[in-house]
């Protein structure tokens, strides 16, 4: 077998790559269809939204759905920017704190020896089996006991425990050679320096994946605003758009506003994935340390 055929990503096109393009290009177009559909729906005028049989692509794109949405938002007591500000702050703080907790906990479970370590990790694995709705009542009881009802931190605290993130980070840290950590300790490095100077640079792909998962969970969540928050100025952007469009759903214009709101909520998710997709790909292709 020649060296050219063994290359994973040759710099120049070779006819041996044709078989991959034949499969991957149609698959890429197929996976893009939901994204195209969301954009198309948001730009459809009302007559196309209610057309039967429905059309996949918009024929006469318009921004009227967005203008109707912003006009309806301007008639509310609290400005839309307040809800957007709340969501941005909540999402950024949640991502940073989740990464710190996940990384430090994963490091302790992977490289430290203490009593009950296996039990704690087993509990984390068991937590992966439970969907959010299954822990709704226990979560409410904990929040009520902590006195976090109608508190801004109720958007953040319940979501800091992320079992799938801890599992992924811990598995990555397991692949860091113990000899590397022992050598750092001999040189006088403490756990803080080992974590931030050695562990974090080596598990950046896993942290990027956890950041994306955290962003999607927090940005799209309406649970806290719906169940725990009473003060309107403390609610989130996703809850605001959901209630705004649901109040208009009885009208014909409500369908267009709902499509526009769905696109507004979807774009940040798409943007953060595009920005960090390189790290996510590294999670798959460089999961081992040779």
C-alpha atoms as a PDB file:
ATOM      1  CA  UNK A   1       0.000   0.000   0.000  1.00  0.00           C
ATOM      2  CA  UNK A   2       1.454   3.376  -1.027  1.00  0.00           C
ATOM      3  CA  UNK A   3       1.937   6.263   1.370  1.00  0.00           C
ATOM      4  CA  UNK A   4      -0.632   8.349  -0.555  1.00  0.00           C
ATOM      5  CA  UNK A   5      -3.420   5.870   0.008  1.00  0.00           C
ATOM      6  CA  UNK A   6      -2.570   5.676   3.712  1.00  0.00           C
ATOM      7  CA  UNK A   7      -2.949   9.410   4.253  1.00  0.00           C
ATOM      8  CA  UNK A   8      -6.086  10.366   6.132  1.00  0.00           C
ATOM      9  CA  UNK A   9      -6.292  13.853   4.661  1.00  0.00           C
ATOM     10  CA  UNK A  10      -4.095  14.236   1.562  1.00  0.00           C
ATOM     11  CA  UNK A  11      -3.277  17.801   0.564  1.00  0.00           C
ATOM     12  CA  UNK A  12      -4.138  17.185  -3.079  1.00  0.00           C
ATOM     13  CA  UNK A  13      -7.219  15.608  -4.571  1.00  0.00           C
ATOM     14  CA  UNK A  14      -6.858  11.978  -5.497  1.00  0.00           C
ATOM     15  CA  UNK A  15      -9.309   9.793  -7.364  1.00  0.00           C
ATOM     16  CA  UNK A  16      -9.296   7.389  -4.422  1.00  0.00           C
ATOM     17  CA  UNK A  17     -11.279  10.032  -2.490  1.00  0.00           C
ATOM     18  CA  UNK A  18     -14.244   9.941  -4.885  1.00  0.00           C
ATOM     19  CA  UNK A  19     -15.915   7.086  -3.002  1.00  0.00           C
ATOM     20  CA  UNK A  20     -15.944   9.208   0.165  1.00  0.00           C
ATOM     21  CA  UNK A  21     -17.443  12.243  -1.590  1.00  0.00           C
ATOM     22  CA  UNK A  22     -20.178  10.089  -3.136  1.00  0.00           C
ATOM     23  CA  UNK A  23     -21.359   9.136   0.354  1.00  0.00           C
ATOM     24  CA  UNK A  24     -20.511  12.203   2.444  1.00  0.00           C
ATOM     25  CA  UNK A  25     -21.793  15.008   0.191  1.00  0.00           C
ATOM     26  CA  UNK A  26     -25.395  13.670  -0.031  1.00  0.00           C
ATOM     27  CA  UNK A  27     -25.297  12.956   3.711  1.00  0.00           C
ATOM     28  CA  UNK A  28     -24.145  16.530   4.416  1.00  0.00           C
ATOM     29  CA  UNK A  29     -27.004  17.959   2.360  1.00  0.00           C
ATOM     30  CA  UNK A  30     -29.467  15.684   4.156  1.00  0.00           C
ATOM     31  CA  UNK A  31     -28.227  16.823   7.586  1.00  0.00           C
ATOM     32  CA  UNK A  32     -28.520  20.481   6.530  1.00  0.00           C
ATOM     33  CA  UNK A  33     -32.218  20.122   5.708  1.00  0.00           C
ATOM     34  CA  UNK A  34     -33.493  20.889   9.257  1.00  0.00           C
ATOM     35  CA  UNK A  35     -31.368  24.065   9.378  1.00  0.00           C
ATOM     36  CA  UNK A  36     -32.643  25.197   5.975  1.00  0.00           C
ATOM     37  CA  UNK A  37     -36.209  24.440   7.048  1.00  0.00           C
ATOM     38  CA  UNK A  38     -35.986  26.593  10.204  1.00  0.00           C
ATOM     39  CA  UNK A  39     -34.693  29.573   8.210  1.00  0.00           C
ATOM     40  CA  UNK A  40     -37.254  28.999   5.478  1.00  0.00           C
ATOM     41  CA  UNK A  41     -40.180  28.852   7.921  1.00  0.00           C
ATOM     42  CA  UNK A  42     -39.154  32.090   9.613  1.00  0.00           C
ATOM     43  CA  UNK A  43     -39.066  33.929   6.267  1.00  0.00           C
ATOM     44  CA  UNK A  44     -42.366  32.622   4.902  1.00  0.00           C
ATOM     45  CA  UNK A  45     -45.328  34.999   4.575  1.00  0.00           C
ATOM     46  CA  UNK A  46     -48.563  33.879   6.195  1.00  0.00           C
ATOM     47  CA  UNK A  47     -50.084  32.539   2.974  1.00  0.00           C
ATOM     48  CA  UNK A  48     -47.106  30.169   2.532  1.00  0.00           C
ATOM     49  CA  UNK A  49     -47.159  29.099   6.172  1.00  0.00           C
ATOM     50  CA  UNK A  50     -50.744  27.880   5.794  1.00  0.00           C
ATOM     51  CA  UNK A  51     -50.308  26.537   2.257  1.00  0.00           C
ATOM     52  CA  UNK A  52     -51.405  22.947   1.626  1.00  0.00           C
ATOM     53  CA  UNK A  53     -49.569  20.900   0.597  1.00  0.00           C
ATOM     54  CA  UNK A  54     -46.748  22.744   2.419  1.00  0.00           C
ATOM     55  CA  UNK A  55     -43.611  23.848   0.617  1.00  0.00           C
ATOM     56  CA  UNK A  56     -40.178  23.121   2.034  1.00  0.00           C
ATOM     57  CA  UNK A  57     -38.511  26.300   0.730  1.00  0.00           C
ATOM     58  CA  UNK A  58     -39.879  29.823   0.938  1.00  0.00           C
ATOM     59  CA  UNK A  59     -41.000  31.320  -2.381  1.00  0.00           C
ATOM     60  CA  UNK A  60     -41.501  34.967  -1.351  1.00  0.00           C
ATOM     61  CA  UNK A  61     -39.204  35.647   1.634  1.00  0.00           C
ATOM     62  CA  UNK A  62     -40.275  38.404   4.012  1.00  0.00           C
ATOM     63  CA  UNK A  63     -39.205  39.869   7.359  1.00  0.00           C
ATOM     64  CA  UNK A  64     -42.787  40.595   8.414  1.00  0.00           C
ATOM     65  CA  UNK A  65     -42.753  37.769  10.963  1.00  0.00           C
ATOM     66  CA  UNK A  66     -39.857  39.449  12.760  1.00  0.00           C
ATOM     67  CA  UNK A  67     -41.418  42.909  12.638  1.00  0.00           C
ATOM     68  CA  UNK A  68     -44.657  41.485  14.061  1.00  0.00           C
ATOM     69  CA  UNK A  69     -42.679  39.775  16.820  1.00  0.00           C
ATOM     70  CA  UNK A  70     -40.788  42.933  17.797  1.00  0.00           C
ATOM     71  CA  UNK A  71     -43.977  44.994  17.602  1.00  0.00           C
ATOM     72  CA  UNK A  72     -45.698  42.601  19.992  1.00  0.00           C
ATOM     73  CA  UNK A  73     -42.648  42.683  22.262  1.00  0.00           C
ATOM     74  CA  UNK A  74     -42.690  46.475  22.409  1.00  0.00           C
ATOM     75  CA  UNK A  75     -46.199  46.367  23.850  1.00  0.00           C
ATOM     76  CA  UNK A  76     -45.142  44.433  26.956  1.00  0.00           C
ATOM     77  CA  UNK A  77     -44.293  46.078  30.272  1.00  0.00           C
ATOM     78  CA  UNK A  78     -40.686  44.806  30.393  1.00  0.00           C
ATOM     79  CA  UNK A  79     -38.399  45.450  27.388  1.00  0.00           C
ATOM     80  CA  UNK A  80     -37.090  42.472  25.436  1.00  0.00           C
ATOM     81  CA  UNK A  81     -33.488  43.543  26.071  1.00  0.00           C
ATOM     82  CA  UNK A  82     -33.973  42.874  29.788  1.00  0.00           C
ATOM     83  CA  UNK A  83     -34.839  39.221  29.157  1.00  0.00           C
ATOM     84  CA  UNK A  84     -31.972  38.909  26.678  1.00  0.00           C
ATOM     85  CA  UNK A  85     -29.551  40.402  29.210  1.00  0.00           C
ATOM     86  CA  UNK A  86     -30.728  37.910  31.833  1.00  0.00           C
ATOM     87  CA  UNK A  87     -30.198  34.955  29.498  1.00  0.00           C
ATOM     88  CA  UNK A  88     -26.733  36.085  28.424  1.00  0.00           C
ATOM     89  CA  UNK A  89     -25.542  36.550  32.018  1.00  0.00           C
ATOM     90  CA  UNK A  90     -27.093  33.265  33.175  1.00  0.00           C
ATOM     91  CA  UNK A  91     -25.621  31.322  30.245  1.00  0.00           C
ATOM     92  CA  UNK A  92     -22.090  32.754  30.560  1.00  0.00           C
ATOM     93  CA  UNK A  93     -21.932  32.257  34.344  1.00  0.00           C
ATOM     94  CA  UNK A  94     -23.361  28.738  34.075  1.00  0.00           C
ATOM     95  CA  UNK A  95     -20.815  27.694  31.430  1.00  0.00           C
ATOM     96  CA  UNK A  96     -17.838  29.057  33.394  1.00  0.00           C
ATOM     97  CA  UNK A  97     -18.908  27.593  36.737  1.00  0.00           C
ATOM     98  CA  UNK A  98     -19.881  24.249  35.173  1.00  0.00           C
ATOM     99  CA  UNK A  99     -16.481  23.921  33.489  1.00  0.00           C
ATOM    100  CA  UNK A 100     -14.660  24.713  36.745  1.00  0.00           C
ATOM    101  CA  UNK A 101     -16.727  22.227  38.768  1.00  0.00           C
ATOM    102  CA  UNK A 102     -16.609  19.527  36.094  1.00  0.00           C
ATOM    103  CA  UNK A 103     -12.853  19.808  35.548  1.00  0.00           C
ATOM    104  CA  UNK A 104     -11.881  19.864  39.227  1.00  0.00           C
ATOM    105  CA  UNK A 105     -14.273  17.020  40.085  1.00  0.00           C
ATOM    106  CA  UNK A 106     -13.127  14.964  37.114  1.00  0.00           C
ATOM    107  CA  UNK A 107      -9.501  15.472  38.152  1.00  0.00           C
ATOM    108  CA  UNK A 108     -10.241  14.335  41.718  1.00  0.00           C
ATOM    109  CA  UNK A 109     -12.169  11.245  40.562  1.00  0.00           C
ATOM    110  CA  UNK A 110      -9.507  10.328  38.031  1.00  0.00           C
ATOM    111  CA  UNK A 111      -6.151  11.067  39.672  1.00  0.00           C
ATOM    112  CA  UNK A 112      -6.835  11.226  43.407  1.00  0.00           C
ATOM    113  CA  UNK A 113      -7.258   8.336  45.835  1.00  0.00           C
ATOM    114  CA  UNK A 114      -9.854   8.707  48.567  1.00  0.00           C
ATOM    115  CA  UNK A 115     -12.521   6.614  50.229  1.00  0.00           C
ATOM    116  CA  UNK A 116     -15.796   6.379  48.318  1.00  0.00           C
ATOM    117  CA  UNK A 117     -14.374   7.503  44.962  1.00  0.00           C
ATOM    118  CA  UNK A 118     -15.858   4.592  43.017  1.00  0.00           C
ATOM    119  CA  UNK A 119     -19.200   5.010  44.774  1.00  0.00           C
ATOM    120  CA  UNK A 120     -19.403   8.690  43.864  1.00  0.00           C
ATOM    121  CA  UNK A 121     -18.603   7.983  40.226  1.00  0.00           C
ATOM    122  CA  UNK A 122     -21.188   5.183  40.175  1.00  0.00           C
ATOM    123  CA  UNK A 123     -23.792   7.629  41.495  1.00  0.00           C
ATOM    124  CA  UNK A 124     -22.875  10.011  38.670  1.00  0.00           C
ATOM    125  CA  UNK A 125     -23.322   7.195  36.145  1.00  0.00           C
ATOM    126  CA  UNK A 126     -26.711   6.343  37.634  1.00  0.00           C
ATOM    127  CA  UNK A 127     -27.737   9.994  37.260  1.00  0.00           C
ATOM    128  CA  UNK A 128     -27.292   9.634  33.489  1.00  0.00           C
ATOM    129  CA  UNK A 129     -30.364   7.382  33.428  1.00  0.00           C
ATOM    130  CA  UNK A 130     -32.775  10.030  34.723  1.00  0.00           C
ATOM    131  CA  UNK A 131     -34.466  12.499  32.393  1.00  0.00           C
ATOM    132  CA  UNK A 132     -35.180  16.023  33.617  1.00  0.00           C
ATOM    133  CA  UNK A 133     -38.897  15.439  34.193  1.00  0.00           C
ATOM    134  CA  UNK A 134     -38.123  12.531  36.544  1.00  0.00           C
ATOM    135  CA  UNK A 135     -36.276  14.785  39.005  1.00  0.00           C
ATOM    136  CA  UNK A 136     -38.628  17.757  38.736  1.00  0.00           C
ATOM    137  CA  UNK A 137     -40.255  17.290  42.152  1.00  0.00           C
ATOM    138  CA  UNK A 138     -37.009  16.513  44.062  1.00  0.00           C
ATOM    139  CA  UNK A 139     -35.395  19.530  42.418  1.00  0.00           C
ATOM    140  CA  UNK A 140     -38.263  21.768  43.471  1.00  0.00           C
ATOM    141  CA  UNK A 141     -38.010  20.508  47.071  1.00  0.00           C
ATOM    142  CA  UNK A 142     -34.269  21.229  47.147  1.00  0.00           C
ATOM    143  CA  UNK A 143     -34.743  24.707  45.697  1.00  0.00           C
ATOM    144  CA  UNK A 144     -37.535  25.479  48.151  1.00  0.00           C
ATOM    145  CA  UNK A 145     -35.404  24.248  51.082  1.00  0.00           C
ATOM    146  CA  UNK A 146     -32.488  26.441  49.967  1.00  0.00           C
ATOM    147  CA  UNK A 147     -34.803  29.437  49.701  1.00  0.00           C
ATOM    148  CA  UNK A 148     -33.994  30.081  46.041  1.00  0.00           C
ATOM    149  CA  UNK A 149     -37.567  30.705  44.903  1.00  0.00           C
ATOM    150  CA  UNK A 150     -37.771  33.977  42.959  1.00  0.00           C
ATOM    151  CA  UNK A 151     -33.987  34.274  43.215  1.00  0.00           C
ATOM    152  CA  UNK A 152     -31.804  34.975  40.192  1.00  0.00           C
ATOM    153  CA  UNK A 153     -29.469  32.102  41.167  1.00  0.00           C
ATOM    154  CA  UNK A 154     -32.270  29.578  40.652  1.00  0.00           C
ATOM    155  CA  UNK A 155     -31.457  29.791  36.923  1.00  0.00           C
ATOM    156  CA  UNK A 156     -27.896  28.620  37.601  1.00  0.00           C
ATOM    157  CA  UNK A 157     -27.597  26.396  40.688  1.00  0.00           C
ATOM    158  CA  UNK A 158     -29.861  23.480  39.609  1.00  0.00           C
ATOM    159  CA  UNK A 159     -27.945  23.021  36.350  1.00  0.00           C
ATOM    160  CA  UNK A 160     -24.407  22.984  37.731  1.00  0.00           C
ATOM    161  CA  UNK A 161     -24.605  19.222  38.284  1.00  0.00           C
ATOM    162  CA  UNK A 162     -24.068  17.860  34.763  1.00  0.00           C
ATOM    163  CA  UNK A 163     -23.480  14.084  34.904  1.00  0.00           C
ATOM    164  CA  UNK A 164     -22.722  13.647  31.204  1.00  0.00           C
ATOM    165  CA  UNK A 165     -20.141  16.446  31.332  1.00  0.00           C
ATOM    166  CA  UNK A 166     -18.411  14.973  34.377  1.00  0.00           C
ATOM    167  CA  UNK A 167     -18.367  11.531  32.777  1.00  0.00           C
ATOM    168  CA  UNK A 168     -16.823  12.848  29.555  1.00  0.00           C
ATOM    169  CA  UNK A 169     -14.179  14.982  31.299  1.00  0.00           C
ATOM    170  CA  UNK A 170     -13.255  12.212  33.738  1.00  0.00           C
ATOM    171  CA  UNK A 171     -12.741   9.754  30.877  1.00  0.00           C
ATOM    172  CA  UNK A 172     -10.436  12.239  29.131  1.00  0.00           C
ATOM    173  CA  UNK A 173      -8.400  12.871  32.281  1.00  0.00           C
ATOM    174  CA  UNK A 174      -8.011   9.097  32.714  1.00  0.00           C
ATOM    175  CA  UNK A 175      -5.928   9.135  29.524  1.00  0.00           C
ATOM    176  CA  UNK A 176      -3.421  11.635  30.920  1.00  0.00           C
ATOM    177  CA  UNK A 177      -0.349   9.565  31.959  1.00  0.00           C
ATOM    178  CA  UNK A 178       0.186   9.354  35.704  1.00  0.00           C
ATOM    179  CA  UNK A 179       3.923   9.730  35.056  1.00  0.00           C
ATOM    180  CA  UNK A 180       3.309  13.225  33.694  1.00  0.00           C
ATOM    181  CA  UNK A 181       1.539  14.279  36.879  1.00  0.00           C
ATOM    182  CA  UNK A 182       4.184  12.650  39.098  1.00  0.00           C
ATOM    183  CA  UNK A 183       6.918  14.501  37.207  1.00  0.00           C
ATOM    184  CA  UNK A 184       5.074  17.788  37.781  1.00  0.00           C
ATOM    185  CA  UNK A 185       4.796  17.056  41.500  1.00  0.00           C
ATOM    186  CA  UNK A 186       8.524  16.331  41.684  1.00  0.00           C
ATOM    187  CA  UNK A 187       9.129  19.739  40.102  1.00  0.00           C
ATOM    188  CA  UNK A 188       7.099  21.313  42.913  1.00  0.00           C
ATOM    189  CA  UNK A 189       3.728  21.770  41.197  1.00  0.00           C
ATOM    190  CA  UNK A 190       0.651  21.615  43.395  1.00  0.00           C
ATOM    191  CA  UNK A 191      -2.790  20.393  42.359  1.00  0.00           C
ATOM    192  CA  UNK A 192      -3.840  23.876  41.247  1.00  0.00           C
ATOM    193  CA  UNK A 193      -0.905  24.168  38.825  1.00  0.00           C
ATOM    194  CA  UNK A 194      -1.328  20.597  37.603  1.00  0.00           C
ATOM    195  CA  UNK A 195      -4.995  21.207  36.869  1.00  0.00           C
ATOM    196  CA  UNK A 196      -4.592  24.514  35.033  1.00  0.00           C
ATOM    197  CA  UNK A 197      -1.169  23.992  33.435  1.00  0.00           C
ATOM    198  CA  UNK A 198      -1.354  20.321  32.452  1.00  0.00           C
ATOM    199  CA  UNK A 199      -4.846  18.844  32.651  1.00  0.00           C
ATOM    200  CA  UNK A 200      -6.938  21.625  31.100  1.00  0.00           C
ATOM    201  CA  UNK A 201      -4.710  22.119  27.989  1.00  0.00           C
ATOM    202  CA  UNK A 202      -4.853  18.366  27.337  1.00  0.00           C
ATOM    203  CA  UNK A 203      -8.644  18.039  27.656  1.00  0.00           C
ATOM    204  CA  UNK A 204      -9.681  21.209  25.804  1.00  0.00           C
ATOM    205  CA  UNK A 205     -11.770  19.255  23.248  1.00  0.00           C
ATOM    206  CA  UNK A 206     -13.819  17.651  26.033  1.00  0.00           C
ATOM    207  CA  UNK A 207     -14.319  21.021  27.742  1.00  0.00           C
ATOM    208  CA  UNK A 208     -15.508  22.528  24.470  1.00  0.00           C
ATOM    209  CA  UNK A 209     -18.078  19.752  24.124  1.00  0.00           C
ATOM    210  CA  UNK A 210     -19.265  20.308  27.702  1.00  0.00           C
ATOM    211  CA  UNK A 211     -19.525  24.052  27.024  1.00  0.00           C
ATOM    212  CA  UNK A 212     -21.751  23.428  23.993  1.00  0.00           C
ATOM    213  CA  UNK A 213     -24.000  21.038  25.924  1.00  0.00           C
ATOM    214  CA  UNK A 214     -24.272  23.507  28.810  1.00  0.00           C
ATOM    215  CA  UNK A 215     -25.072  26.383  26.470  1.00  0.00           C
ATOM    216  CA  UNK A 216     -27.841  24.467  24.745  1.00  0.00           C
ATOM    217  CA  UNK A 217     -29.344  23.357  28.051  1.00  0.00           C
ATOM    218  CA  UNK A 218     -29.307  26.804  29.686  1.00  0.00           C
ATOM    219  CA  UNK A 219     -30.137  28.960  26.656  1.00  0.00           C
ATOM    220  CA  UNK A 220     -33.217  26.942  25.714  1.00  0.00           C
ATOM    221  CA  UNK A 221     -34.479  26.300  29.247  1.00  0.00           C
ATOM    222  CA  UNK A 222     -37.797  27.763  30.406  1.00  0.00           C
ATOM    223  CA  UNK A 223     -38.229  25.604  33.503  1.00  0.00           C
ATOM    224  CA  UNK A 224     -36.783  27.999  36.093  1.00  0.00           C
ATOM    225  CA  UNK A 225     -38.709  31.024  34.861  1.00  0.00           C
ATOM    226  CA  UNK A 226     -41.888  28.992  34.660  1.00  0.00           C
ATOM    227  CA  UNK A 227     -41.732  27.249  38.044  1.00  0.00           C
ATOM    228  CA  UNK A 228     -39.580  29.288  40.410  1.00  0.00           C
ATOM    229  CA  UNK A 229     -39.539  32.920  39.287  1.00  0.00           C
ATOM    230  CA  UNK A 230     -42.352  35.350  40.066  1.00  0.00           C
ATOM    231  CA  UNK A 231     -40.673  38.697  39.342  1.00  0.00           C
ATOM    232  CA  UNK A 232     -40.958  39.387  35.613  1.00  0.00           C
ATOM    233  CA  UNK A 233     -37.579  41.145  35.324  1.00  0.00           C
ATOM    234  CA  UNK A 234     -35.777  37.985  36.490  1.00  0.00           C
ATOM    235  CA  UNK A 235     -37.117  35.719  33.745  1.00  0.00           C
ATOM    236  CA  UNK A 236     -35.194  34.521  30.685  1.00  0.00           C
ATOM    237  CA  UNK A 237     -35.308  35.304  26.992  1.00  0.00           C
ATOM    238  CA  UNK A 238     -36.454  31.821  25.979  1.00  0.00           C
ATOM    239  CA  UNK A 239     -39.371  31.966  28.428  1.00  0.00           C
ATOM    240  CA  UNK A 240     -40.286  35.430  27.165  1.00  0.00           C
ATOM    241  CA  UNK A 241     -40.407  34.368  23.505  1.00  0.00           C
ATOM    242  CA  UNK A 242     -42.330  31.220  24.387  1.00  0.00           C
ATOM    243  CA  UNK A 243     -45.026  33.084  26.318  1.00  0.00           C
ATOM    244  CA  UNK A 244     -45.145  35.923  23.792  1.00  0.00           C
ATOM    245  CA  UNK A 245     -45.818  33.611  20.862  1.00  0.00           C
ATOM    246  CA  UNK A 246     -48.181  31.358  22.840  1.00  0.00           C
ATOM    247  CA  UNK A 247     -50.315  34.393  23.695  1.00  0.00           C
ATOM    248  CA  UNK A 248     -50.562  35.173  19.982  1.00  0.00           C
ATOM    249  CA  UNK A 249     -51.150  31.617  18.813  1.00  0.00           C
ATOM    250  CA  UNK A 250     -54.901  32.153  18.549  1.00  0.00           C
ATOM    251  CA  UNK A 251     -54.275  34.718  15.819  1.00  0.00           C
ATOM    252  CA  UNK A 252     -53.054  33.913  12.326  1.00  0.00           C
ATOM    253  CA  UNK A 253     -50.015  36.147  12.814  1.00  0.00           C
ATOM    254  CA  UNK A 254     -49.023  34.020  15.807  1.00  0.00           C
ATOM    255  CA  UNK A 255     -47.770  31.233  13.528  1.00  0.00           C
ATOM    256  CA  UNK A 256     -45.340  33.575  11.790  1.00  0.00           C
ATOM    257  CA  UNK A 257     -44.184  35.058  15.081  1.00  0.00           C
ATOM    258  CA  UNK A 258     -43.586  31.562  16.477  1.00  0.00           C
ATOM    259  CA  UNK A 259     -41.448  30.674  13.438  1.00  0.00           C
ATOM    260  CA  UNK A 260     -39.421  33.869  13.840  1.00  0.00           C
ATOM    261  CA  UNK A 261     -38.952  33.232  17.571  1.00  0.00           C
ATOM    262  CA  UNK A 262     -37.771  29.686  16.867  1.00  0.00           C
ATOM    263  CA  UNK A 263     -35.127  31.001  14.483  1.00  0.00           C
ATOM    264  CA  UNK A 264     -33.951  33.623  16.998  1.00  0.00           C
ATOM    265  CA  UNK A 265     -33.502  30.929  19.644  1.00  0.00           C
ATOM    266  CA  UNK A 266     -31.817  28.562  17.179  1.00  0.00           C
ATOM    267  CA  UNK A 267     -29.185  30.917  15.718  1.00  0.00           C
ATOM    268  CA  UNK A 268     -27.021  31.181  18.892  1.00  0.00           C
ATOM    269  CA  UNK A 269     -26.954  27.370  19.161  1.00  0.00           C
ATOM    270  CA  UNK A 270     -25.843  27.120  15.547  1.00  0.00           C
ATOM    271  CA  UNK A 271     -23.234  29.868  15.977  1.00  0.00           C
ATOM    272  CA  UNK A 272     -21.569  28.365  19.045  1.00  0.00           C
ATOM    273  CA  UNK A 273     -21.387  24.958  17.382  1.00  0.00           C
ATOM    274  CA  UNK A 274     -19.802  26.407  14.228  1.00  0.00           C
ATOM    275  CA  UNK A 275     -17.265  28.332  16.310  1.00  0.00           C
ATOM    276  CA  UNK A 276     -16.311  25.342  18.455  1.00  0.00           C
ATOM    277  CA  UNK A 277     -16.788  22.497  15.992  1.00  0.00           C
ATOM    278  CA  UNK A 278     -13.033  22.092  15.561  1.00  0.00           C
ATOM    279  CA  UNK A 279     -12.668  21.198  19.233  1.00  0.00           C
ATOM    280  CA  UNK A 280     -15.611  18.829  19.037  1.00  0.00           C
ATOM    281  CA  UNK A 281     -13.995  17.058  16.090  1.00  0.00           C
ATOM    282  CA  UNK A 282     -10.794  16.768  18.115  1.00  0.00           C
ATOM    283  CA  UNK A 283     -12.863  15.056  20.811  1.00  0.00           C
ATOM    284  CA  UNK A 284     -13.557  12.283  18.335  1.00  0.00           C
ATOM    285  CA  UNK A 285     -10.222  12.081  16.517  1.00  0.00           C
ATOM    286  CA  UNK A 286      -7.731  12.753  19.343  1.00  0.00           C
ATOM    287  CA  UNK A 287      -9.346  11.060  22.300  1.00  0.00           C
ATOM    288  CA  UNK A 288      -6.114   9.256  23.223  1.00  0.00           C
ATOM    289  CA  UNK A 289      -2.719  10.552  24.302  1.00  0.00           C
ATOM    290  CA  UNK A 290       0.057   8.567  22.662  1.00  0.00           C
END
